[in-house]
Amino acid sequence: MNALSKDARLILDRMEPDRYYEGSDLRACVPDTSAEGFREVMHELWVNRHVERVGYSGWRRQRSAPAHQRPADAQADGRDV
């Protein structure tokens, strides 16, 4: 996993886990960033699995499992062998 940029770390530090945030609320954390710069920061957080999209313009801080891993509470039933 890559080290996060200063703006990405600032946004992530202000987000509480499992809470929904509108993009406009998060953008207020980095007021000197352009709309394109904010999009890039959120993309950085999403790619590094620190946030997930919620709805059209919302975000939630929740670490995602990599696509190749099953959720921890999934039971093996022999079909995924």
Protein backbone atom coordinates (compact mmCIF):
# COMPACT_ATOMS: atom_id res chain seq x y z
CA MET A 1 0.00 0.00 0.00
CA ASN A 2 1.28 3.45 -0.88
CA ALA A 3 1.87 6.29 1.56
CA LEU A 4 -0.98 8.79 1.49
CA SER A 5 -0.66 12.39 0.37
CA LYS A 6 -1.00 15.19 2.92
CA ASP A 7 -4.56 16.03 1.80
CA ALA A 8 -5.63 12.38 1.81
CA ARG A 9 -4.27 11.92 5.34
CA LEU A 10 -6.03 15.12 6.48
CA ILE A 11 -9.40 13.92 5.17
CA LEU A 12 -8.95 10.40 6.51
CA ASP A 13 -8.00 11.68 9.97
CA ARG A 14 -11.25 13.66 10.14
CA MET A 15 -13.50 10.80 9.03
CA GLU A 16 -15.08 8.52 11.62
CA PRO A 17 -15.44 4.82 10.71
CA ASP A 18 -18.78 3.69 9.23
CA ARG A 19 -20.19 7.23 9.06
CA TYR A 20 -21.65 8.64 5.83
CA TYR A 21 -20.11 11.88 4.51
CA GLU A 22 -21.23 14.02 1.59
CA GLY A 23 -18.47 15.00 -0.79
CA SER A 24 -19.09 18.68 -0.05
CA ASP A 25 -18.50 18.09 3.67
CA LEU A 26 -15.19 16.34 2.99
CA ARG A 27 -14.11 18.97 0.51
CA ALA A 28 -14.43 21.57 3.28
CA CYS A 29 -11.47 19.80 4.97
CA VAL A 30 -9.22 20.86 2.08
CA PRO A 31 -10.60 24.24 0.95
CA ASP A 32 -7.54 25.19 -1.11
CA THR A 33 -7.91 22.11 -3.32
CA SER A 34 -9.64 22.35 -6.69
CA ALA A 35 -12.58 20.09 -7.57
CA GLU A 36 -10.25 17.97 -9.70
CA GLY A 37 -7.69 17.83 -6.87
CA PHE A 38 -10.38 16.72 -4.42
CA ARG A 39 -11.51 14.01 -6.86
CA GLU A 40 -7.91 12.78 -7.09
CA VAL A 41 -7.55 12.69 -3.29
CA MET A 42 -10.76 10.68 -2.89
CA HIS A 43 -9.65 8.36 -5.67
CA GLU A 44 -6.34 7.87 -3.84
CA LEU A 45 -8.21 6.92 -0.65
CA TRP A 46 -10.53 4.60 -2.58
CA VAL A 47 -7.69 2.85 -4.44
CA ASN A 48 -5.84 2.31 -1.17
CA ARG A 49 -9.05 0.84 0.34
CA HIS A 50 -9.55 3.45 3.05
CA VAL A 51 -12.97 4.65 1.88
CA GLU A 52 -15.96 3.34 -0.03
CA ARG A 53 -18.49 5.13 -2.19
CA VAL A 54 -21.98 5.49 -0.75
CA GLY A 55 -24.69 6.56 -3.13
CA TYR A 56 -24.08 9.19 -5.78
CA SER A 57 -21.81 11.62 -3.95
CA GLY A 58 -21.17 10.14 -0.52
CA TRP A 59 -18.23 8.42 1.11
CA ARG A 60 -17.69 6.23 4.15
CA ARG A 61 -14.45 5.36 5.92
CA GLN A 62 -14.38 1.60 5.94
CA ARG A 63 -11.51 -0.63 5.01
CA SER A 64 -12.52 -2.87 2.14
CA ALA A 65 -11.41 -6.46 1.75
CA PRO A 66 -9.40 -7.12 -1.40
CA ALA A 67 -11.48 -8.66 -4.17
CA HIS A 68 -9.78 -12.06 -3.87
CA GLN A 69 -10.53 -12.47 -0.15
CA ARG A 70 -13.74 -13.79 1.34
CA PRO A 71 -15.30 -11.87 4.25
CA ALA A 72 -14.05 -13.12 7.61
CA ASP A 73 -17.50 -14.39 8.61
CA ALA A 74 -18.04 -16.42 5.40
CA GLN A 75 -18.20 -20.17 5.85
CA ALA A 76 -16.47 -22.58 3.53
CA ASP A 77 -19.05 -24.89 1.97
CA GLY A 78 -16.83 -26.67 -0.52
CA ARG A 79 -18.02 -24.69 -3.56
CA ASP A 80 -15.06 -22.28 -3.54
CA VAL A 81 -12.38 -24.99 -3.63
